[in-house]
Amino acid sequence: METKPMDFPVETQPTERFDRVPSIGEIGLDHFAPYLINRISARWNIDLQGQIKEHGLTTLQMRVLAILTVMAGSTVNEVAVFAVTEQSTMSRTLDGMERDGLVRRKNRRGDARVRELHLTEKGRESFREVWPVMYASLKRMFAGFTDAEYETLIGLLTRVLRNVRRHDF
């Protein structure tokens, strides 16, 4: 599967905010972006974990289903990057998901060395069941945000991702 680079917003000039090294106390945790991003991510995962357990899924399995719904034919490495987990952890997770009939691996047409991942019908059905739970959680997370605020946040987070990423995707 060809992955296309993400479409990132145009870069702007940095502010003077980072010209000197302040103490963490001067910044404060409520203005330390990595801390806030971690808290948001952890809360999202904890909240969803309890809800999707009823569907027999872990949060990592949920991420795999979501990724393969959007990017069928991805490799183990690509899915591991998007799921934000180690490749070895992803391989073990996929082994279990394959045993459970949620995903299947197949050789890439034209290059049998590359194994693509695809959802089975059972995997697609599992995602159809869990997607409304995920979407309801997303709606709660952004309650009170305007569409413009949401789009601004997505643009800013995408720029942050560009600054920290190690892959083209």
N, C-alpha and C. Protein backbone atom coordinates (compact mmCIF):
# COMPACT_ATOMS: atom_id res chain seq x y z
N MET A 1 0.84 -1.17 0.00
CA MET A 1 0.00 0.00 0.00
C MET A 1 0.88 1.23 0.00
N GLU A 2 0.61 2.15 -0.87
CA GLU A 2 1.31 3.41 -0.89
C GLU A 2 0.73 4.31 0.19
N THR A 3 1.59 4.84 1.06
CA THR A 3 1.09 5.81 2.02
C THR A 3 1.49 7.18 1.54
N LYS A 4 0.56 8.10 1.60
CA LYS A 4 0.89 9.45 1.15
C LYS A 4 1.22 10.29 2.37
N PRO A 5 2.15 11.22 2.23
CA PRO A 5 2.48 12.09 3.36
C PRO A 5 1.25 12.89 3.78
N MET A 6 1.20 13.20 5.06
CA MET A 6 0.08 14.00 5.56
C MET A 6 0.18 15.41 4.99
N ASP A 7 -0.95 16.02 4.75
CA ASP A 7 -1.01 17.38 4.23
C ASP A 7 -0.92 18.34 5.42
N PHE A 8 0.26 18.91 5.64
CA PHE A 8 0.48 19.77 6.79
C PHE A 8 0.24 21.23 6.45
N PRO A 9 -0.26 22.00 7.42
CA PRO A 9 -0.44 23.43 7.20
C PRO A 9 0.91 24.12 6.99
N VAL A 10 0.87 25.29 6.42
CA VAL A 10 2.08 26.07 6.16
C VAL A 10 2.72 26.46 7.49
N GLU A 11 4.04 26.36 7.55
CA GLU A 11 4.78 26.69 8.76
C GLU A 11 4.88 28.20 8.91
N THR A 12 4.81 28.67 10.15
CA THR A 12 4.96 30.10 10.43
C THR A 12 6.23 30.30 11.23
N GLN A 13 6.62 31.55 11.42
CA GLN A 13 7.82 31.86 12.19
C GLN A 13 7.57 31.60 13.68
N PRO A 14 8.53 30.98 14.38
CA PRO A 14 8.36 30.73 15.81
C PRO A 14 8.37 32.03 16.60
N THR A 15 7.73 32.01 17.75
CA THR A 15 7.72 33.19 18.61
C THR A 15 8.97 33.17 19.48
N GLU A 16 9.12 34.21 20.29
CA GLU A 16 10.26 34.30 21.19
C GLU A 16 10.09 33.41 22.42
N ARG A 17 8.98 32.72 22.54
CA ARG A 17 8.69 31.88 23.70
C ARG A 17 9.84 30.94 24.04
N PHE A 18 10.53 30.44 23.05
CA PHE A 18 11.54 29.41 23.28
C PHE A 18 12.97 29.95 23.20
N ASP A 19 13.15 31.27 23.32
CA ASP A 19 14.49 31.85 23.26
C ASP A 19 15.33 31.57 24.50
N ARG A 20 14.69 31.34 25.65
CA ARG A 20 15.45 31.03 26.87
C ARG A 20 14.84 29.78 27.51
N VAL A 21 15.57 29.16 28.42
CA VAL A 21 15.10 27.94 29.07
C VAL A 21 14.51 28.31 30.44
N PRO A 22 13.17 28.33 30.53
CA PRO A 22 12.54 28.64 31.82
C PRO A 22 12.48 27.38 32.68
N SER A 23 12.19 27.55 33.94
CA SER A 23 11.99 26.38 34.80
C SER A 23 10.59 25.83 34.53
N ILE A 24 10.38 24.56 34.89
CA ILE A 24 9.06 23.97 34.72
C ILE A 24 8.04 24.70 35.59
N GLY A 25 8.51 25.23 36.72
CA GLY A 25 7.63 26.01 37.59
C GLY A 25 7.15 27.29 36.92
N GLU A 26 8.04 27.93 36.14
CA GLU A 26 7.63 29.13 35.41
C GLU A 26 6.59 28.80 34.34
N ILE A 27 6.77 27.67 33.69
CA ILE A 27 5.83 27.27 32.65
C ILE A 27 4.53 26.81 33.29
N GLY A 28 4.64 25.93 34.27
CA GLY A 28 3.46 25.34 34.91
C GLY A 28 2.95 24.19 34.07
N LEU A 29 2.47 23.15 34.74
CA LEU A 29 1.97 21.99 34.01
C LEU A 29 0.79 22.34 33.12
N ASP A 30 -0.01 23.32 33.52
CA ASP A 30 -1.18 23.69 32.72
C ASP A 30 -0.82 24.42 31.43
N HIS A 31 0.47 24.76 31.26
CA HIS A 31 0.94 25.37 30.01
C HIS A 31 2.06 24.56 29.36
N PHE A 32 2.29 23.34 29.85
CA PHE A 32 3.31 22.47 29.30
C PHE A 32 2.61 21.49 28.36
N ALA A 33 2.67 21.77 27.07
CA ALA A 33 1.89 21.04 26.06
C ALA A 33 2.08 19.52 26.12
N PRO A 34 3.31 18.99 26.23
CA PRO A 34 3.43 17.53 26.28
C PRO A 34 2.65 16.91 27.44
N TYR A 35 2.65 17.56 28.58
CA TYR A 35 1.90 17.07 29.73
C TYR A 35 0.41 17.04 29.41
N LEU A 36 -0.11 18.12 28.83
CA LEU A 36 -1.53 18.18 28.50
C LEU A 36 -1.90 17.12 27.45
N ILE A 37 -1.06 16.96 26.44
CA ILE A 37 -1.32 15.96 25.40
C ILE A 37 -1.34 14.56 26.01
N ASN A 38 -0.38 14.27 26.89
CA ASN A 38 -0.36 12.96 27.57
C ASN A 38 -1.60 12.73 28.41
N ARG A 39 -2.02 13.73 29.15
CA ARG A 39 -3.21 13.58 29.99
C ARG A 39 -4.44 13.33 29.14
N ILE A 40 -4.58 14.08 28.06
CA ILE A 40 -5.73 13.90 27.17
C ILE A 40 -5.73 12.49 26.59
N SER A 41 -4.58 12.06 26.09
CA SER A 41 -4.47 10.73 25.49
C SER A 41 -4.77 9.63 26.51
N ALA A 42 -4.21 9.77 27.70
CA ALA A 42 -4.45 8.76 28.74
C ALA A 42 -5.92 8.71 29.13
N ARG A 43 -6.55 9.87 29.29
CA ARG A 43 -7.97 9.92 29.66
C ARG A 43 -8.82 9.28 28.57
N TRP A 44 -8.52 9.61 27.32
CA TRP A 44 -9.26 9.04 26.18
C TRP A 44 -9.18 7.52 26.22
N ASN A 45 -7.96 6.99 26.39
CA ASN A 45 -7.77 5.54 26.40
C ASN A 45 -8.45 4.88 27.59
N ILE A 46 -8.34 5.47 28.77
CA ILE A 46 -8.97 4.89 29.96
C ILE A 46 -10.49 4.88 29.80
N ASP A 47 -11.04 5.99 29.34
CA ASP A 47 -12.50 6.06 29.15
C ASP A 47 -12.98 5.03 28.14
N LEU A 48 -12.28 4.93 27.02
CA LEU A 48 -12.69 3.99 25.98
C LEU A 48 -12.47 2.54 26.40
N GLN A 49 -11.40 2.29 27.14
CA GLN A 49 -11.08 0.92 27.53
C GLN A 49 -12.26 0.25 28.23
N GLY A 50 -12.86 0.95 29.17
CA GLY A 50 -14.00 0.39 29.87
C GLY A 50 -15.19 0.14 28.97
N GLN A 51 -15.41 1.04 28.02
CA GLN A 51 -16.56 0.92 27.13
C GLN A 51 -16.39 -0.17 26.08
N ILE A 52 -15.18 -0.30 25.53
CA ILE A 52 -15.00 -1.28 24.45
C ILE A 52 -14.76 -2.68 24.97
N LYS A 53 -14.45 -2.79 26.27
CA LYS A 53 -14.28 -4.12 26.87
C LYS A 53 -15.54 -4.95 26.67
N GLU A 54 -16.70 -4.29 26.70
CA GLU A 54 -17.98 -4.96 26.48
C GLU A 54 -18.05 -5.60 25.09
N HIS A 55 -17.25 -5.07 24.17
CA HIS A 55 -17.22 -5.58 22.80
C HIS A 55 -16.09 -6.60 22.61
N GLY A 56 -15.40 -6.94 23.70
CA GLY A 56 -14.34 -7.94 23.63
C GLY A 56 -13.06 -7.43 23.00
N LEU A 57 -12.84 -6.11 23.04
CA LEU A 57 -11.65 -5.53 22.41
C LEU A 57 -10.80 -4.78 23.43
N THR A 58 -9.50 -4.72 23.14
CA THR A 58 -8.60 -3.85 23.89
C THR A 58 -8.49 -2.53 23.13
N THR A 59 -7.90 -1.52 23.75
CA THR A 59 -7.74 -0.24 23.04
C THR A 59 -6.81 -0.41 21.83
N LEU A 60 -5.79 -1.25 21.96
CA LEU A 60 -4.89 -1.46 20.82
C LEU A 60 -5.62 -2.16 19.68
N GLN A 61 -6.43 -3.16 19.99
CA GLN A 61 -7.21 -3.82 18.94
C GLN A 61 -8.18 -2.83 18.29
N MET A 62 -8.78 -1.95 19.09
CA MET A 62 -9.68 -0.93 18.55
C MET A 62 -8.93 -0.04 17.57
N ARG A 63 -7.71 0.36 17.95
CA ARG A 63 -6.92 1.21 17.05
C ARG A 63 -6.60 0.49 15.74
N VAL A 64 -6.26 -0.80 15.84
CA VAL A 64 -5.96 -1.58 14.63
C VAL A 64 -7.19 -1.61 13.72
N LEU A 65 -8.35 -1.88 14.28
CA LEU A 65 -9.58 -1.92 13.48
C LEU A 65 -9.82 -0.57 12.81
N ALA A 66 -9.63 0.52 13.56
CA ALA A 66 -9.84 1.86 12.99
C ALA A 66 -8.85 2.14 11.87
N ILE A 67 -7.58 1.82 12.10
CA ILE A 67 -6.54 2.08 11.10
C ILE A 67 -6.82 1.29 9.83
N LEU A 68 -7.12 0.00 9.97
CA LEU A 68 -7.35 -0.82 8.77
C LEU A 68 -8.67 -0.50 8.09
N THR A 69 -9.60 0.10 8.80
CA THR A 69 -10.83 0.57 8.16
C THR A 69 -10.49 1.69 7.18
N VAL A 70 -9.56 2.54 7.58
CA VAL A 70 -9.18 3.69 6.75
C VAL A 70 -8.06 3.33 5.78
N MET A 71 -7.14 2.45 6.19
CA MET A 71 -5.94 2.17 5.40
C MET A 71 -5.74 0.68 5.20
N ALA A 72 -6.69 0.04 4.55
CA ALA A 72 -6.58 -1.40 4.26
C ALA A 72 -5.31 -1.66 3.47
N GLY A 73 -4.66 -2.77 3.77
CA GLY A 73 -3.45 -3.13 3.04
C GLY A 73 -2.18 -2.59 3.67
N SER A 74 -2.28 -1.98 4.84
CA SER A 74 -1.09 -1.48 5.54
C SER A 74 -0.23 -2.65 6.01
N THR A 75 1.04 -2.36 6.25
CA THR A 75 1.95 -3.37 6.79
C THR A 75 1.91 -3.31 8.32
N VAL A 76 2.52 -4.32 8.95
CA VAL A 76 2.60 -4.34 10.41
C VAL A 76 3.29 -3.08 10.92
N ASN A 77 4.39 -2.70 10.29
CA ASN A 77 5.14 -1.51 10.72
C ASN A 77 4.29 -0.25 10.59
N GLU A 78 3.59 -0.10 9.48
CA GLU A 78 2.74 1.08 9.29
C GLU A 78 1.64 1.15 10.35
N VAL A 79 1.00 0.03 10.61
CA VAL A 79 -0.05 0.00 11.63
C VAL A 79 0.54 0.29 13.00
N ALA A 80 1.72 -0.24 13.30
CA ALA A 80 2.36 0.02 14.59
C ALA A 80 2.64 1.51 14.77
N VAL A 81 3.09 2.18 13.72
CA VAL A 81 3.36 3.62 13.80
C VAL A 81 2.06 4.38 14.08
N PHE A 82 1.02 4.10 13.33
CA PHE A 82 -0.25 4.82 13.51
C PHE A 82 -0.92 4.47 14.83
N ALA A 83 -0.70 3.26 15.33
CA ALA A 83 -1.30 2.84 16.60
C ALA A 83 -0.45 3.27 17.80
N VAL A 84 0.73 3.81 17.52
CA VAL A 84 1.65 4.30 18.54
C VAL A 84 2.04 3.17 19.50
N THR A 85 2.60 2.11 18.92
CA THR A 85 3.06 0.98 19.72
C THR A 85 4.29 0.36 19.06
N GLU A 86 5.01 -0.44 19.81
CA GLU A 86 6.19 -1.13 19.28
C GLU A 86 5.75 -2.19 18.27
N GLN A 87 6.61 -2.43 17.28
CA GLN A 87 6.28 -3.42 16.26
C GLN A 87 6.10 -4.81 16.86
N SER A 88 6.91 -5.17 17.87
CA SER A 88 6.78 -6.50 18.48
C SER A 88 5.43 -6.64 19.18
N THR A 89 4.99 -5.59 19.87
CA THR A 89 3.67 -5.60 20.52
C THR A 89 2.58 -5.71 19.47
N MET A 90 2.75 -4.98 18.38
CA MET A 90 1.75 -5.02 17.30
C MET A 90 1.69 -6.41 16.69
N SER A 91 2.83 -7.04 16.47
CA SER A 91 2.84 -8.38 15.88
C SER A 91 2.07 -9.37 16.76
N ARG A 92 2.30 -9.32 18.08
CA ARG A 92 1.58 -10.21 18.99
C ARG A 92 0.08 -9.91 18.98
N THR A 93 -0.26 -8.64 18.96
CA THR A 93 -1.68 -8.25 18.92
C THR A 93 -2.33 -8.76 17.64
N LEU A 94 -1.64 -8.60 16.52
CA LEU A 94 -2.18 -9.06 15.24
C LEU A 94 -2.31 -10.57 15.18
N ASP A 95 -1.36 -11.28 15.80
CA ASP A 95 -1.47 -12.75 15.86
C ASP A 95 -2.79 -13.14 16.53
N GLY A 96 -3.09 -12.51 17.66
CA GLY A 96 -4.34 -12.79 18.36
C GLY A 96 -5.56 -12.39 17.56
N MET A 97 -5.48 -11.23 16.91
CA MET A 97 -6.61 -10.77 16.11
C MET A 97 -6.84 -11.68 14.91
N GLU A 98 -5.75 -12.22 14.37
CA GLU A 98 -5.88 -13.16 13.26
C GLU A 98 -6.53 -14.47 13.75
N ARG A 99 -6.09 -14.95 14.92
CA ARG A 99 -6.70 -16.16 15.52
C ARG A 99 -8.19 -15.94 15.79
N ASP A 100 -8.54 -14.71 16.20
CA ASP A 100 -9.94 -14.38 16.51
C ASP A 100 -10.76 -14.10 15.25
N GLY A 101 -10.10 -14.12 14.09
CA GLY A 101 -10.82 -13.91 12.84
C GLY A 101 -11.15 -12.46 12.53
N LEU A 102 -10.40 -11.51 13.13
CA LEU A 102 -10.67 -10.09 12.90
C LEU A 102 -9.84 -9.51 11.75
N VAL A 103 -8.63 -10.02 11.56
CA VAL A 103 -7.75 -9.55 10.49
C VAL A 103 -7.17 -10.75 9.76
N ARG A 104 -6.67 -10.47 8.56
CA ARG A 104 -5.95 -11.49 7.81
C ARG A 104 -4.74 -10.83 7.16
N ARG A 105 -3.71 -11.63 6.98
CA ARG A 105 -2.50 -11.15 6.31
C ARG A 105 -2.47 -11.77 4.93
N LYS A 106 -2.02 -10.99 3.98
CA LYS A 106 -1.85 -11.56 2.64
C LYS A 106 -0.65 -10.92 1.98
N ASN A 107 -0.03 -11.68 1.08
CA ASN A 107 1.13 -11.16 0.37
C ASN A 107 0.70 -10.02 -0.55
N ARG A 108 1.54 -9.00 -0.62
CA ARG A 108 1.26 -7.87 -1.50
C ARG A 108 1.45 -8.30 -2.94
N ARG A 109 0.50 -7.92 -3.77
CA ARG A 109 0.59 -8.23 -5.19
C ARG A 109 1.85 -7.57 -5.76
N GLY A 110 2.66 -8.34 -6.41
CA GLY A 110 3.87 -7.82 -7.02
C GLY A 110 5.10 -7.86 -6.11
N ASP A 111 4.90 -8.13 -4.81
CA ASP A 111 6.03 -8.21 -3.89
C ASP A 111 5.64 -9.12 -2.72
N ALA A 112 5.88 -10.41 -2.89
CA ALA A 112 5.46 -11.41 -1.90
C ALA A 112 6.19 -11.27 -0.58
N ARG A 113 7.27 -10.47 -0.55
CA ARG A 113 7.98 -10.26 0.72
C ARG A 113 7.19 -9.37 1.67
N VAL A 114 6.29 -8.57 1.12
CA VAL A 114 5.51 -7.63 1.93
C VAL A 114 4.15 -8.24 2.26
N ARG A 115 3.82 -8.25 3.56
CA ARG A 115 2.54 -8.79 4.01
C ARG A 115 1.61 -7.63 4.34
N GLU A 116 0.47 -7.61 3.68
CA GLU A 116 -0.54 -6.58 3.93
C GLU A 116 -1.55 -7.08 4.95
N LEU A 117 -2.13 -6.15 5.69
CA LEU A 117 -3.16 -6.47 6.67
C LEU A 117 -4.51 -5.99 6.18
N HIS A 118 -5.50 -6.84 6.35
CA HIS A 118 -6.87 -6.51 5.93
C HIS A 118 -7.84 -6.96 7.01
N LEU A 119 -8.93 -6.24 7.15
CA LEU A 119 -9.99 -6.67 8.05
C LEU A 119 -10.79 -7.78 7.39
N THR A 120 -11.22 -8.72 8.20
CA THR A 120 -12.17 -9.73 7.74
C THR A 120 -13.56 -9.13 7.91
N GLU A 121 -14.58 -9.84 7.47
CA GLU A 121 -15.95 -9.37 7.69
C GLU A 121 -16.21 -9.23 9.18
N LYS A 122 -15.72 -10.18 9.97
CA LYS A 122 -15.89 -10.10 11.43
C LYS A 122 -15.20 -8.86 11.99
N GLY A 123 -14.03 -8.54 11.47
CA GLY A 123 -13.31 -7.34 11.89
C GLY A 123 -14.06 -6.07 11.54
N ARG A 124 -14.62 -6.04 10.31
CA ARG A 124 -15.41 -4.86 9.90
C ARG A 124 -16.65 -4.72 10.78
N GLU A 125 -17.28 -5.83 11.09
CA GLU A 125 -18.47 -5.80 11.95
C GLU A 125 -18.11 -5.33 13.36
N SER A 126 -16.99 -5.80 13.88
CA SER A 126 -16.54 -5.36 15.21
C SER A 126 -16.32 -3.86 15.23
N PHE A 127 -15.71 -3.34 14.15
CA PHE A 127 -15.49 -1.89 14.12
C PHE A 127 -16.80 -1.14 13.98
N ARG A 128 -17.73 -1.65 13.18
CA ARG A 128 -19.04 -0.99 13.06
C ARG A 128 -19.72 -0.90 14.42
N GLU A 129 -19.53 -1.89 15.27
CA GLU A 129 -20.12 -1.89 16.61
C GLU A 129 -19.43 -0.89 17.54
N VAL A 130 -18.12 -0.77 17.44
CA VAL A 130 -17.37 0.05 18.39
C VAL A 130 -17.24 1.51 17.92
N TRP A 131 -17.40 1.79 16.63
CA TRP A 131 -17.25 3.15 16.14
C TRP A 131 -18.22 4.13 16.81
N PRO A 132 -19.48 3.81 16.99
CA PRO A 132 -20.36 4.77 17.69
C PRO A 132 -19.89 5.09 19.11
N VAL A 133 -19.28 4.13 19.78
CA VAL A 133 -18.73 4.36 21.12
C VAL A 133 -17.56 5.35 21.02
N MET A 134 -16.68 5.13 20.05
CA MET A 134 -15.54 6.03 19.84
C MET A 134 -16.02 7.43 19.49
N TYR A 135 -17.01 7.50 18.60
CA TYR A 135 -17.48 8.81 18.15
C TYR A 135 -18.17 9.57 19.29
N ALA A 136 -18.93 8.87 20.12
CA ALA A 136 -19.58 9.51 21.27
C ALA A 136 -18.52 10.08 22.22
N SER A 137 -17.42 9.35 22.40
CA SER A 137 -16.33 9.83 23.24
C SER A 137 -15.69 11.07 22.64
N LEU A 138 -15.51 11.07 21.32
CA LEU A 138 -14.97 12.24 20.62
C LEU A 138 -15.88 13.45 20.80
N LYS A 139 -17.18 13.24 20.67
CA LYS A 139 -18.14 14.34 20.84
C LYS A 139 -18.07 14.91 22.26
N ARG A 140 -17.96 14.03 23.26
CA ARG A 140 -17.83 14.51 24.65
C ARG A 140 -16.56 15.33 24.82
N MET A 141 -15.48 14.84 24.21
CA MET A 141 -14.20 15.51 24.35
C MET A 141 -14.24 16.94 23.80
N PHE A 142 -14.99 17.13 22.73
CA PHE A 142 -15.01 18.44 22.09
C PHE A 142 -16.33 19.18 22.26
N ALA A 143 -17.07 18.82 23.29
CA ALA A 143 -18.32 19.53 23.60
C ALA A 143 -17.99 21.00 23.84
N GLY A 144 -18.77 21.88 23.23
CA GLY A 144 -18.57 23.31 23.41
C GLY A 144 -17.58 23.94 22.45
N PHE A 145 -16.91 23.13 21.63
CA PHE A 145 -15.99 23.66 20.62
C PHE A 145 -16.77 23.99 19.36
N THR A 146 -16.42 25.08 18.71
CA THR A 146 -17.00 25.37 17.40
C THR A 146 -16.25 24.55 16.36
N ASP A 147 -16.83 24.44 15.17
CA ASP A 147 -16.14 23.74 14.07
C ASP A 147 -14.80 24.41 13.79
N ALA A 148 -14.78 25.74 13.81
CA ALA A 148 -13.54 26.48 13.54
C ALA A 148 -12.49 26.19 14.60
N GLU A 149 -12.88 26.13 15.86
CA GLU A 149 -11.93 25.81 16.93
C GLU A 149 -11.37 24.41 16.76
N TYR A 150 -12.24 23.47 16.42
CA TYR A 150 -11.81 22.09 16.22
C TYR A 150 -10.80 22.03 15.06
N GLU A 151 -11.11 22.67 13.95
CA GLU A 151 -10.21 22.66 12.79
C GLU A 151 -8.88 23.33 13.12
N THR A 152 -8.92 24.41 13.89
CA THR A 152 -7.68 25.08 14.32
C THR A 152 -6.83 24.14 15.16
N LEU A 153 -7.47 23.46 16.10
CA LEU A 153 -6.74 22.51 16.95
C LEU A 153 -6.12 21.40 16.12
N ILE A 154 -6.87 20.84 15.19
CA ILE A 154 -6.34 19.77 14.33
C ILE A 154 -5.14 20.28 13.55
N GLY A 155 -5.22 21.48 13.01
CA GLY A 155 -4.10 22.07 12.28
C GLY A 155 -2.87 22.23 13.15
N LEU A 156 -3.07 22.72 14.37
CA LEU A 156 -1.94 22.91 15.29
C LEU A 156 -1.33 21.58 15.72
N LEU A 157 -2.18 20.61 16.04
CA LEU A 157 -1.66 19.29 16.42
C LEU A 157 -0.92 18.62 15.27
N THR A 158 -1.40 18.83 14.06
CA THR A 158 -0.73 18.27 12.88
C THR A 158 0.66 18.89 12.72
N ARG A 159 0.78 20.18 12.99
CA ARG A 159 2.10 20.83 12.93
C ARG A 159 3.02 20.28 14.01
N VAL A 160 2.49 20.07 15.21
CA VAL A 160 3.29 19.48 16.29
C VAL A 160 3.76 18.08 15.87
N LEU A 161 2.85 17.30 15.31
CA LEU A 161 3.21 15.96 14.85
C LEU A 161 4.32 16.01 13.81
N ARG A 162 4.24 16.95 12.90
CA ARG A 162 5.30 17.09 11.89
C ARG A 162 6.64 17.36 12.57
N ASN A 163 6.63 18.15 13.63
CA ASN A 163 7.88 18.48 14.32
C ASN A 163 8.48 17.30 15.07
N VAL A 164 7.65 16.36 15.52
CA VAL A 164 8.17 15.25 16.34
C VAL A 164 8.22 13.92 15.61
N ARG A 165 7.64 13.82 14.44
CA ARG A 165 7.53 12.52 13.78
C ARG A 165 8.88 12.02 13.28
N ARG A 166 8.95 10.70 13.16
CA ARG A 166 10.15 10.04 12.65
C ARG A 166 9.88 9.34 11.33
N HIS A 167 8.63 9.40 10.87
CA HIS A 167 8.22 8.72 9.65
C HIS A 167 7.57 9.73 8.73
N ASP A 168 7.38 9.35 7.48
CA ASP A 168 6.69 10.23 6.53
C ASP A 168 5.19 10.17 6.70
N PHE A 169 4.71 9.38 7.64
CA PHE A 169 3.27 9.25 7.84
C PHE A 169 2.97 9.27 9.32
